[in-house]
């Protein structure tokens, strides 16, 4: 699927609509340049999940946990890190049925879950959002 988001609010709306497909244990991998809208997209997912607290980038904390109405949101940022999730002790979050993992700046191959790869990029019209789904069982 591909979308064009002209505004920040459009990005949030695309993310909210996308989040209606998410189930416990799903993993969302976000990629894009700095400022492309990865955290904004995550805010839309959080709103759809019923998270009420403000969602901020976990760049310096590595992971932030939020509780939604039914599912938790595990928001991770791998931007400053070299090494994989296993080396960092974060693999325990992958596939947890009580929540959804959203990981910025991550290209993990060894994920055994339903994975959505979302690419955000600047374009003439605003932001191009491309969503791919893959089952990695």
N, C-alpha and C. Protein backbone atom coordinates (compact mmCIF):
# COMPACT_ATOMS: atom_id res chain seq x y z
N UNK A 1 0.83 -1.17 0.00
CA UNK A 1 0.00 0.00 0.00
C UNK A 1 0.88 1.24 0.00
N UNK A 2 0.40 2.26 -0.64
CA UNK A 2 1.16 3.50 -0.70
C UNK A 2 0.21 4.67 -0.49
N UNK A 3 0.67 5.64 0.31
CA UNK A 3 -0.13 6.82 0.62
C UNK A 3 0.74 8.06 0.49
N UNK A 4 0.11 9.19 0.22
CA UNK A 4 0.77 10.49 0.26
C UNK A 4 0.13 11.28 1.40
N UNK A 5 0.95 11.74 2.33
CA UNK A 5 0.48 12.55 3.45
C UNK A 5 1.00 13.97 3.24
N UNK A 6 0.08 14.90 3.07
CA UNK A 6 0.48 16.28 2.82
C UNK A 6 0.83 17.02 4.10
N UNK A 7 0.26 16.57 5.21
CA UNK A 7 0.49 17.25 6.49
C UNK A 7 0.83 16.22 7.57
N UNK A 8 1.25 16.73 8.71
CA UNK A 8 1.51 15.88 9.88
C UNK A 8 0.22 15.15 10.28
N UNK A 9 -0.89 15.87 10.23
CA UNK A 9 -2.18 15.29 10.59
C UNK A 9 -2.55 14.16 9.63
N UNK A 10 -2.22 14.32 8.35
CA UNK A 10 -2.46 13.24 7.37
C UNK A 10 -1.66 11.99 7.75
N UNK A 11 -0.41 12.19 8.17
CA UNK A 11 0.43 11.06 8.58
C UNK A 11 -0.21 10.33 9.75
N UNK A 12 -0.70 11.09 10.72
CA UNK A 12 -1.36 10.49 11.88
C UNK A 12 -2.61 9.72 11.45
N UNK A 13 -3.39 10.26 10.54
CA UNK A 13 -4.61 9.59 10.08
C UNK A 13 -4.29 8.29 9.34
N UNK A 14 -3.25 8.30 8.50
CA UNK A 14 -2.84 7.07 7.81
C UNK A 14 -2.43 6.02 8.85
N UNK A 15 -1.68 6.44 9.85
CA UNK A 15 -1.23 5.52 10.90
C UNK A 15 -2.41 4.97 11.70
N UNK A 16 -3.38 5.81 12.02
CA UNK A 16 -4.55 5.35 12.76
C UNK A 16 -5.32 4.30 11.96
N UNK A 17 -5.49 4.55 10.69
CA UNK A 17 -6.19 3.58 9.84
C UNK A 17 -5.39 2.28 9.74
N UNK A 18 -4.09 2.39 9.55
CA UNK A 18 -3.23 1.21 9.49
C UNK A 18 -3.33 0.41 10.79
N UNK A 19 -3.35 1.09 11.93
CA UNK A 19 -3.34 0.42 13.24
C UNK A 19 -4.56 -0.45 13.48
N UNK A 20 -5.63 -0.22 12.75
CA UNK A 20 -6.83 -1.06 12.93
C UNK A 20 -6.55 -2.50 12.54
N UNK A 21 -5.48 -2.75 11.79
CA UNK A 21 -5.11 -4.11 11.36
C UNK A 21 -4.20 -4.81 12.36
N UNK A 22 -3.66 -4.07 13.31
CA UNK A 22 -2.66 -4.63 14.22
C UNK A 22 -3.28 -5.56 15.26
N UNK A 23 -2.51 -6.59 15.57
CA UNK A 23 -2.89 -7.57 16.59
C UNK A 23 -1.71 -7.73 17.55
N UNK A 24 -2.00 -8.25 18.73
CA UNK A 24 -0.93 -8.51 19.69
C UNK A 24 0.14 -9.39 19.08
N UNK A 25 1.39 -9.02 19.28
CA UNK A 25 2.52 -9.77 18.73
C UNK A 25 3.06 -9.21 17.43
N UNK A 26 2.33 -8.29 16.80
CA UNK A 26 2.80 -7.71 15.55
C UNK A 26 4.01 -6.80 15.78
N UNK A 27 4.86 -6.71 14.75
CA UNK A 27 6.05 -5.87 14.79
C UNK A 27 5.99 -4.91 13.61
N UNK A 28 6.20 -3.62 13.89
CA UNK A 28 6.19 -2.58 12.86
C UNK A 28 7.59 -2.00 12.79
N UNK A 29 8.22 -2.09 11.62
CA UNK A 29 9.56 -1.54 11.41
C UNK A 29 9.42 -0.25 10.61
N UNK A 30 9.88 0.86 11.16
CA UNK A 30 9.78 2.16 10.50
C UNK A 30 11.15 2.60 9.99
N UNK A 31 11.19 3.04 8.75
CA UNK A 31 12.44 3.56 8.20
C UNK A 31 12.16 4.88 7.49
N UNK A 32 13.17 5.71 7.44
CA UNK A 32 13.06 7.00 6.77
C UNK A 32 14.12 7.95 7.31
N UNK A 33 14.35 9.02 6.58
CA UNK A 33 15.34 10.01 6.99
C UNK A 33 14.94 10.66 8.31
N UNK A 34 15.89 11.35 8.94
CA UNK A 34 15.56 12.14 10.12
C UNK A 34 14.45 13.11 9.77
N UNK A 35 13.44 13.18 10.61
CA UNK A 35 12.34 14.11 10.39
C UNK A 35 11.31 13.66 9.37
N UNK A 36 11.41 12.43 8.89
CA UNK A 36 10.48 11.94 7.86
C UNK A 36 9.09 11.63 8.41
N UNK A 37 8.96 11.49 9.73
CA UNK A 37 7.65 11.25 10.31
C UNK A 37 7.48 9.93 11.03
N UNK A 38 8.59 9.29 11.38
CA UNK A 38 8.50 7.98 12.05
C UNK A 38 7.80 8.08 13.40
N UNK A 39 8.20 9.05 14.21
CA UNK A 39 7.56 9.21 15.52
C UNK A 39 6.13 9.72 15.36
N UNK A 40 5.88 10.56 14.39
CA UNK A 40 4.52 11.02 14.12
C UNK A 40 3.63 9.84 13.74
N UNK A 41 4.14 8.95 12.91
CA UNK A 41 3.38 7.75 12.53
C UNK A 41 3.09 6.92 13.78
N UNK A 42 4.07 6.79 14.66
CA UNK A 42 3.89 6.04 15.90
C UNK A 42 2.81 6.68 16.76
N UNK A 43 2.75 8.01 16.78
CA UNK A 43 1.71 8.71 17.54
C UNK A 43 0.33 8.32 17.02
N UNK A 44 0.18 8.19 15.72
CA UNK A 44 -1.09 7.76 15.15
C UNK A 44 -1.46 6.35 15.58
N UNK A 45 -0.48 5.46 15.58
CA UNK A 45 -0.72 4.08 16.05
C UNK A 45 -1.16 4.13 17.51
N UNK A 46 -0.47 4.92 18.32
CA UNK A 46 -0.79 5.02 19.74
C UNK A 46 -2.22 5.51 19.95
N UNK A 47 -2.62 6.52 19.20
CA UNK A 47 -3.99 7.03 19.32
C UNK A 47 -5.00 5.94 19.01
N UNK A 48 -4.75 5.18 17.95
CA UNK A 48 -5.66 4.11 17.57
C UNK A 48 -5.73 3.01 18.63
N UNK A 49 -4.63 2.78 19.33
CA UNK A 49 -4.60 1.76 20.39
C UNK A 49 -5.20 2.26 21.70
N UNK A 50 -5.49 3.56 21.77
CA UNK A 50 -6.07 4.11 22.98
C UNK A 50 -5.07 4.60 24.00
N UNK A 51 -3.84 4.83 23.58
CA UNK A 51 -2.82 5.39 24.48
C UNK A 51 -3.20 6.84 24.75
N UNK A 52 -3.20 7.23 26.02
CA UNK A 52 -3.61 8.59 26.37
C UNK A 52 -2.43 9.51 26.71
N UNK A 53 -1.28 8.94 27.05
CA UNK A 53 -0.14 9.80 27.38
C UNK A 53 0.59 10.23 26.11
N UNK A 54 1.32 11.35 26.18
CA UNK A 54 2.05 11.82 25.01
C UNK A 54 3.12 10.82 24.56
N UNK A 55 3.23 10.62 23.26
CA UNK A 55 4.23 9.72 22.68
C UNK A 55 5.39 10.57 22.18
N UNK A 56 6.59 10.24 22.66
CA UNK A 56 7.78 10.97 22.24
C UNK A 56 8.82 9.99 21.73
N UNK A 57 9.80 10.50 21.04
CA UNK A 57 10.85 9.66 20.48
C UNK A 57 11.68 9.01 21.58
N UNK A 58 11.92 7.70 21.47
CA UNK A 58 12.75 7.02 22.47
C UNK A 58 14.23 6.99 22.11
N UNK A 59 14.71 7.96 21.34
CA UNK A 59 16.09 7.95 20.87
C UNK A 59 17.09 7.78 22.00
N UNK A 60 16.89 8.45 23.11
CA UNK A 60 17.88 8.40 24.19
C UNK A 60 17.53 7.38 25.27
N UNK A 61 16.31 6.87 25.26
CA UNK A 61 15.93 5.86 26.25
C UNK A 61 15.84 4.46 25.64
N UNK A 62 15.95 4.35 24.35
CA UNK A 62 15.90 3.12 23.55
C UNK A 62 14.49 2.57 23.45
N UNK A 63 13.77 2.46 24.56
CA UNK A 63 12.41 1.94 24.51
C UNK A 63 11.50 2.73 25.45
N UNK A 64 10.28 2.94 24.98
CA UNK A 64 9.23 3.53 25.81
C UNK A 64 8.03 2.60 25.72
N UNK A 65 7.42 2.35 26.86
CA UNK A 65 6.25 1.48 26.91
C UNK A 65 5.02 2.33 27.22
N UNK A 66 3.94 2.08 26.49
CA UNK A 66 2.68 2.78 26.69
C UNK A 66 1.57 1.73 26.78
N UNK A 67 0.58 1.99 27.62
CA UNK A 67 -0.54 1.07 27.71
C UNK A 67 -1.74 1.65 26.97
N UNK A 68 -2.26 0.87 26.03
CA UNK A 68 -3.48 1.24 25.34
C UNK A 68 -4.67 0.58 26.01
N UNK A 69 -5.83 0.66 25.36
CA UNK A 69 -7.04 0.06 25.94
C UNK A 69 -6.92 -1.45 26.04
N UNK A 70 -6.45 -2.09 24.97
CA UNK A 70 -6.33 -3.55 24.97
C UNK A 70 -4.89 -4.02 24.78
N UNK A 71 -4.11 -3.27 24.03
CA UNK A 71 -2.73 -3.66 23.73
C UNK A 71 -1.75 -2.60 24.21
N UNK A 72 -0.58 -3.07 24.61
CA UNK A 72 0.51 -2.16 24.94
C UNK A 72 1.22 -1.76 23.65
N UNK A 73 1.93 -0.66 23.70
CA UNK A 73 2.76 -0.21 22.59
C UNK A 73 4.19 -0.16 23.10
N UNK A 74 5.07 -0.92 22.45
CA UNK A 74 6.49 -0.93 22.79
C UNK A 74 7.21 -0.18 21.67
N UNK A 75 7.62 1.05 21.95
CA UNK A 75 8.20 1.94 20.95
C UNK A 75 9.72 1.98 21.14
N UNK A 76 10.45 1.50 20.15
CA UNK A 76 11.91 1.42 20.24
C UNK A 76 12.56 2.26 19.15
N UNK A 77 13.75 2.74 19.44
CA UNK A 77 14.51 3.52 18.47
C UNK A 77 15.95 3.01 18.46
N UNK A 78 16.38 2.51 17.32
CA UNK A 78 17.71 1.91 17.19
C UNK A 78 18.71 2.86 16.53
N UNK A 79 18.36 4.13 16.37
CA UNK A 79 19.17 5.07 15.61
C UNK A 79 20.62 5.14 16.07
N UNK A 80 20.87 5.27 17.35
CA UNK A 80 22.23 5.46 17.85
C UNK A 80 22.93 4.16 18.18
N UNK A 81 22.28 3.05 17.94
CA UNK A 81 22.79 1.78 18.43
C UNK A 81 23.38 0.92 17.32
N UNK A 82 24.49 0.31 17.62
CA UNK A 82 25.04 -0.70 16.72
C UNK A 82 24.85 -2.02 17.44
N UNK A 83 24.39 -2.99 16.80
CA UNK A 83 24.06 -4.25 17.45
C UNK A 83 22.60 -4.54 17.22
N UNK A 84 22.25 -5.78 17.46
CA UNK A 84 20.87 -6.14 17.19
C UNK A 84 20.06 -6.18 18.48
N UNK A 85 18.78 -6.46 18.33
CA UNK A 85 17.88 -6.47 19.48
C UNK A 85 18.28 -7.50 20.52
N UNK A 86 18.80 -8.64 20.06
CA UNK A 86 19.21 -9.69 20.99
C UNK A 86 20.35 -9.22 21.87
N UNK A 87 21.35 -8.59 21.26
CA UNK A 87 22.50 -8.09 22.03
C UNK A 87 22.08 -7.03 23.05
N UNK A 88 21.00 -6.31 22.74
CA UNK A 88 20.54 -5.24 23.62
C UNK A 88 19.50 -5.72 24.63
N UNK A 89 19.13 -6.99 24.55
CA UNK A 89 18.15 -7.53 25.48
C UNK A 89 16.72 -7.14 25.17
N UNK A 90 16.45 -6.71 23.95
CA UNK A 90 15.11 -6.25 23.60
C UNK A 90 14.28 -7.31 22.89
N UNK A 91 14.88 -8.45 22.58
CA UNK A 91 14.14 -9.48 21.84
C UNK A 91 12.93 -9.99 22.61
N UNK A 92 12.94 -9.83 23.93
CA UNK A 92 11.81 -10.31 24.74
C UNK A 92 10.50 -9.60 24.37
N UNK A 93 10.60 -8.42 23.77
CA UNK A 93 9.40 -7.69 23.38
C UNK A 93 8.81 -8.20 22.06
N UNK A 94 9.64 -8.79 21.23
CA UNK A 94 9.19 -9.22 19.91
C UNK A 94 8.18 -10.35 20.02
N UNK A 95 7.04 -10.14 19.42
CA UNK A 95 6.01 -11.17 19.41
C UNK A 95 5.21 -11.29 20.69
N UNK A 96 5.40 -10.37 21.66
CA UNK A 96 4.60 -10.41 22.89
C UNK A 96 3.14 -10.18 22.52
N UNK A 97 2.29 -11.09 22.92
CA UNK A 97 0.88 -11.04 22.53
C UNK A 97 0.10 -9.93 23.23
N UNK A 98 0.69 -9.33 24.27
CA UNK A 98 -0.03 -8.27 24.97
C UNK A 98 0.22 -6.89 24.36
N UNK A 99 0.99 -6.85 23.27
CA UNK A 99 1.28 -5.55 22.70
C UNK A 99 1.80 -5.62 21.28
N UNK A 100 2.14 -4.44 20.78
CA UNK A 100 2.67 -4.25 19.44
C UNK A 100 4.02 -3.56 19.57
N UNK A 101 5.03 -4.04 18.85
CA UNK A 101 6.35 -3.40 18.83
C UNK A 101 6.44 -2.48 17.62
N UNK A 102 6.83 -1.25 17.85
CA UNK A 102 7.11 -0.31 16.77
C UNK A 102 8.58 0.06 16.93
N UNK A 103 9.37 -0.25 15.90
CA UNK A 103 10.82 -0.06 15.99
C UNK A 103 11.29 0.88 14.88
N UNK A 104 11.87 2.01 15.28
CA UNK A 104 12.43 2.96 14.32
C UNK A 104 13.87 2.58 14.03
N UNK A 105 14.28 2.78 12.78
CA UNK A 105 15.66 2.56 12.36
C UNK A 105 16.11 1.11 12.56
N UNK A 106 15.29 0.18 12.20
CA UNK A 106 15.64 -1.22 12.45
C UNK A 106 15.43 -2.04 11.18
N UNK A 107 16.41 -2.85 10.87
CA UNK A 107 16.31 -3.78 9.74
C UNK A 107 16.60 -5.18 10.26
N UNK A 108 15.72 -5.68 11.10
CA UNK A 108 15.92 -6.98 11.74
C UNK A 108 15.40 -8.08 10.83
N UNK A 109 16.23 -9.07 10.60
CA UNK A 109 15.82 -10.21 9.78
C UNK A 109 15.26 -11.34 10.63
N UNK A 110 15.75 -11.49 11.84
CA UNK A 110 15.39 -12.63 12.69
C UNK A 110 14.19 -12.33 13.58
N UNK A 111 13.10 -11.92 12.98
CA UNK A 111 11.86 -11.69 13.72
C UNK A 111 10.88 -12.77 13.30
N UNK A 112 10.34 -13.47 14.28
CA UNK A 112 9.36 -14.51 14.00
C UNK A 112 7.99 -14.02 14.45
N UNK A 113 7.38 -13.23 13.60
CA UNK A 113 6.09 -12.62 13.89
C UNK A 113 5.53 -12.06 12.59
N UNK A 114 4.34 -11.50 12.67
CA UNK A 114 3.83 -10.75 11.52
C UNK A 114 4.51 -9.39 11.57
N UNK A 115 5.16 -9.03 10.47
CA UNK A 115 5.97 -7.81 10.41
C UNK A 115 5.41 -6.88 9.34
N UNK A 116 5.33 -5.61 9.69
CA UNK A 116 4.97 -4.57 8.74
C UNK A 116 6.18 -3.67 8.57
N UNK A 117 6.64 -3.53 7.34
CA UNK A 117 7.75 -2.61 7.05
C UNK A 117 7.15 -1.35 6.47
N UNK A 118 7.42 -0.24 7.13
CA UNK A 118 6.84 1.04 6.71
C UNK A 118 7.98 2.00 6.40
N UNK A 119 7.95 2.51 5.20
CA UNK A 119 8.96 3.46 4.74
C UNK A 119 8.31 4.83 4.61
N UNK A 120 8.94 5.84 5.19
CA UNK A 120 8.46 7.21 5.08
C UNK A 120 9.53 8.02 4.37
N UNK A 121 9.14 8.75 3.35
CA UNK A 121 10.11 9.53 2.58
C UNK A 121 9.49 10.85 2.14
N UNK A 122 10.33 11.86 2.06
CA UNK A 122 9.88 13.14 1.55
C UNK A 122 9.59 13.01 0.06
N UNK A 123 8.56 13.71 -0.39
CA UNK A 123 8.28 13.79 -1.83
C UNK A 123 7.71 15.18 -2.11
N UNK A 124 7.50 15.47 -3.36
CA UNK A 124 7.03 16.80 -3.76
C UNK A 124 5.71 17.16 -3.08
N UNK A 125 4.84 16.17 -2.90
CA UNK A 125 3.52 16.42 -2.34
C UNK A 125 3.49 16.44 -0.81
N UNK A 126 4.56 15.97 -0.16
CA UNK A 126 4.60 15.89 1.30
C UNK A 126 5.45 14.71 1.74
N UNK A 127 4.78 13.65 2.22
CA UNK A 127 5.48 12.42 2.62
C UNK A 127 4.85 11.24 1.91
N UNK A 128 5.70 10.38 1.39
CA UNK A 128 5.23 9.12 0.80
C UNK A 128 5.37 8.05 1.87
N UNK A 129 4.29 7.32 2.09
CA UNK A 129 4.27 6.25 3.09
C UNK A 129 3.99 4.95 2.36
N UNK A 130 4.92 4.01 2.47
CA UNK A 130 4.76 2.70 1.83
C UNK A 130 4.71 1.65 2.92
N UNK A 131 3.67 0.81 2.87
CA UNK A 131 3.46 -0.22 3.89
C UNK A 131 3.50 -1.59 3.23
N UNK A 132 4.38 -2.46 3.76
CA UNK A 132 4.48 -3.85 3.29
C UNK A 132 4.27 -4.78 4.48
N UNK A 133 3.52 -5.84 4.25
CA UNK A 133 3.29 -6.83 5.30
C UNK A 133 3.99 -8.13 4.93
N UNK A 134 4.55 -8.78 5.95
CA UNK A 134 5.29 -10.02 5.72
C UNK A 134 5.13 -10.92 6.94
N UNK A 135 4.83 -12.18 6.73
CA UNK A 135 4.75 -13.15 7.82
C UNK A 135 6.10 -13.81 7.96
N UNK A 136 6.73 -13.68 9.11
CA UNK A 136 8.05 -14.28 9.35
C UNK A 136 7.93 -15.31 10.47
N UNK A 137 7.25 -16.38 10.20
CA UNK A 137 7.02 -17.40 11.24
C UNK A 137 8.17 -18.36 11.37
